[in-house]
Amino acid sequence: MKLPKRLAASGRRYLPKPRRRSINLDTLHPSDFNRLELRFFCDDCSHYAPSHRLCTLGYRARHTRTEQTKLFELTGKMALCRALEID
């Protein structure tokens, strides 16, 4: 990996910023939220371990139905997991 010139010249070590794994928030129309029976919550996924409140894929399992409903009411957005596997 090549260092930026200013860091290479100063002799400092280059440490990339650590990244957190998180799920992107998607905008959802309120009528769709009320009309559709959504299954995008951690509670519905087979990767979710309810006893430990963990996701086996490494995500923070804080996207339960109650948390998602609160988030949607505040922002109009929800975390729709693309790796969801319904039991």
C-alpha atoms as a PDB file:
ATOM      1  CA  MET A   1       0.000   0.000   0.000  1.00  0.00           C
ATOM      2  CA  LYS A   2       1.370   3.394  -0.982  1.00  0.00           C
ATOM      3  CA  LEU A   3       1.426   6.111   1.671  1.00  0.00           C
ATOM      4  CA  PRO A   4       0.248   9.643   0.960  1.00  0.00           C
ATOM      5  CA  LYS A   5       3.266  11.905   0.334  1.00  0.00           C
ATOM      6  CA  ARG A   6       2.836  14.054   3.441  1.00  0.00           C
ATOM      7  CA  LEU A   7       2.668  10.987   5.714  1.00  0.00           C
ATOM      8  CA  ALA A   8       5.613   9.253   4.013  1.00  0.00           C
ATOM      9  CA  ALA A   9       7.743  12.375   4.357  1.00  0.00           C
ATOM     10  CA  SER A  10       6.949  12.825   8.049  1.00  0.00           C
ATOM     11  CA  GLY A  11       7.811   9.204   8.885  1.00  0.00           C
ATOM     12  CA  ARG A  12       4.510   8.627  10.717  1.00  0.00           C
ATOM     13  CA  ARG A  13       2.725   5.324  10.390  1.00  0.00           C
ATOM     14  CA  TYR A  14      -0.410   5.348   8.292  1.00  0.00           C
ATOM     15  CA  LEU A  15      -3.356   3.695  10.007  1.00  0.00           C
ATOM     16  CA  PRO A  16      -6.584   3.572   8.019  1.00  0.00           C
ATOM     17  CA  LYS A  17      -9.752   4.602   9.817  1.00  0.00           C
ATOM     18  CA  PRO A  18     -11.529   1.503  11.172  1.00  0.00           C
ATOM     19  CA  ARG A  19     -14.898   0.762   9.643  1.00  0.00           C
ATOM     20  CA  ARG A  20     -17.965  -0.387  11.501  1.00  0.00           C
ATOM     21  CA  ARG A  21     -20.285  -2.891   9.945  1.00  0.00           C
ATOM     22  CA  SER A  22     -23.757  -1.439   9.781  1.00  0.00           C
ATOM     23  CA  ILE A  23     -26.854  -1.661   7.680  1.00  0.00           C
ATOM     24  CA  ASN A  24     -27.859   1.239   5.436  1.00  0.00           C
ATOM     25  CA  LEU A  25     -31.150   2.971   6.211  1.00  0.00           C
ATOM     26  CA  ASP A  26     -33.724   3.014   3.411  1.00  0.00           C
ATOM     27  CA  THR A  27     -36.606   5.438   2.994  1.00  0.00           C
ATOM     28  CA  LEU A  28     -39.990   3.760   3.164  1.00  0.00           C
ATOM     29  CA  HIS A  29     -43.328   5.305   2.249  1.00  0.00           C
ATOM     30  CA  PRO A  30     -45.716   5.408   5.248  1.00  0.00           C
ATOM     31  CA  SER A  31     -48.538   3.731   3.313  1.00  0.00           C
ATOM     32  CA  ASP A  32     -46.226   0.816   2.479  1.00  0.00           C
ATOM     33  CA  PHE A  33     -45.237   0.529   6.134  1.00  0.00           C
ATOM     34  CA  ASN A  34     -48.914   0.301   7.171  1.00  0.00           C
ATOM     35  CA  ARG A  35     -50.127  -1.852   4.267  1.00  0.00           C
ATOM     36  CA  LEU A  36     -47.341  -4.405   3.908  1.00  0.00           C
ATOM     37  CA  GLU A  37     -46.439  -7.057   6.423  1.00  0.00           C
ATOM     38  CA  LEU A  38     -42.706  -6.361   6.562  1.00  0.00           C
ATOM     39  CA  ARG A  39     -40.262  -9.132   7.470  1.00  0.00           C
ATOM     40  CA  PHE A  40     -37.015  -7.170   7.582  1.00  0.00           C
ATOM     41  CA  PHE A  41     -36.470  -7.253  11.330  1.00  0.00           C
ATOM     42  CA  CYS A  42     -33.799  -9.138  13.248  1.00  0.00           C
ATOM     43  CA  ASP A  43     -36.584 -10.943  15.113  1.00  0.00           C
ATOM     44  CA  ASP A  44     -37.678 -12.640  11.864  1.00  0.00           C
ATOM     45  CA  CYS A  45     -34.222 -13.725  10.660  1.00  0.00           C
ATOM     46  CA  SER A  46     -32.624 -17.132  11.093  1.00  0.00           C
ATOM     47  CA  HIS A  47     -29.221 -15.446  11.622  1.00  0.00           C
ATOM     48  CA  TYR A  48     -30.477 -13.807  14.827  1.00  0.00           C
ATOM     49  CA  ALA A  49     -29.756 -15.458  18.178  1.00  0.00           C
ATOM     50  CA  PRO A  50     -32.385 -14.020  20.554  1.00  0.00           C
ATOM     51  CA  SER A  51     -30.811 -15.485  23.670  1.00  0.00           C
ATOM     52  CA  HIS A  52     -27.595 -13.499  23.068  1.00  0.00           C
ATOM     53  CA  ARG A  53     -29.117 -10.682  20.953  1.00  0.00           C
ATOM     54  CA  LEU A  54     -26.457 -11.293  18.291  1.00  0.00           C
ATOM     55  CA  CYS A  55     -26.372 -11.632  14.513  1.00  0.00           C
ATOM     56  CA  THR A  56     -24.256 -14.506  13.205  1.00  0.00           C
ATOM     57  CA  LEU A  57     -23.206 -12.319  10.232  1.00  0.00           C
ATOM     58  CA  GLY A  58     -21.436  -9.857  12.511  1.00  0.00           C
ATOM     59  CA  TYR A  59     -23.967  -7.025  12.420  1.00  0.00           C
ATOM     60  CA  ARG A  60     -25.162  -5.312  15.549  1.00  0.00           C
ATOM     61  CA  ALA A  61     -28.531  -6.908  16.196  1.00  0.00           C
ATOM     62  CA  ARG A  62     -30.349  -3.782  17.245  1.00  0.00           C
ATOM     63  CA  HIS A  63     -32.879  -3.788  14.421  1.00  0.00           C
ATOM     64  CA  THR A  64     -35.699  -5.532  16.249  1.00  0.00           C
ATOM     65  CA  ARG A  65     -39.320  -4.801  15.441  1.00  0.00           C
ATOM     66  CA  THR A  66     -39.764  -2.303  18.308  1.00  0.00           C
ATOM     67  CA  GLU A  67     -36.523  -0.436  17.534  1.00  0.00           C
ATOM     68  CA  GLN A  68     -37.304  -0.296  13.815  1.00  0.00           C
ATOM     69  CA  THR A  69     -40.812   1.015  14.465  1.00  0.00           C
ATOM     70  CA  LYS A  70     -39.441   3.804  16.667  1.00  0.00           C
ATOM     71  CA  LEU A  71     -36.809   4.674  14.061  1.00  0.00           C
ATOM     72  CA  PHE A  72     -39.396   4.757  11.267  1.00  0.00           C
ATOM     73  CA  GLU A  73     -41.717   7.025  13.253  1.00  0.00           C
ATOM     74  CA  LEU A  74     -38.862   9.472  13.883  1.00  0.00           C
ATOM     75  CA  THR A  75     -37.094   9.493  10.506  1.00  0.00           C
ATOM     76  CA  GLY A  76     -39.220   7.673   7.920  1.00  0.00           C
ATOM     77  CA  LYS A  77     -36.334   5.267   7.317  1.00  0.00           C
ATOM     78  CA  MET A  78     -35.706   1.636   8.212  1.00  0.00           C
ATOM     79  CA  ALA A  79     -32.780  -0.743   8.098  1.00  0.00           C
ATOM     80  CA  LEU A  80     -33.707  -3.349   5.496  1.00  0.00           C
ATOM     81  CA  CYS A  81     -31.225  -6.201   5.782  1.00  0.00           C
ATOM     82  CA  ARG A  82     -30.275  -7.709   2.406  1.00  0.00           C
ATOM     83  CA  ALA A  83     -28.972 -10.920   4.017  1.00  0.00           C
ATOM     84  CA  LEU A  84     -32.232 -11.722   5.800  1.00  0.00           C
ATOM     85  CA  GLU A  85     -33.254 -15.382   5.826  1.00  0.00           C
ATOM     86  CA  ILE A  86     -36.776 -15.976   7.054  1.00  0.00           C
ATOM     87  CA  ASP A  87     -37.374 -19.167   8.991  1.00  0.00           C
END
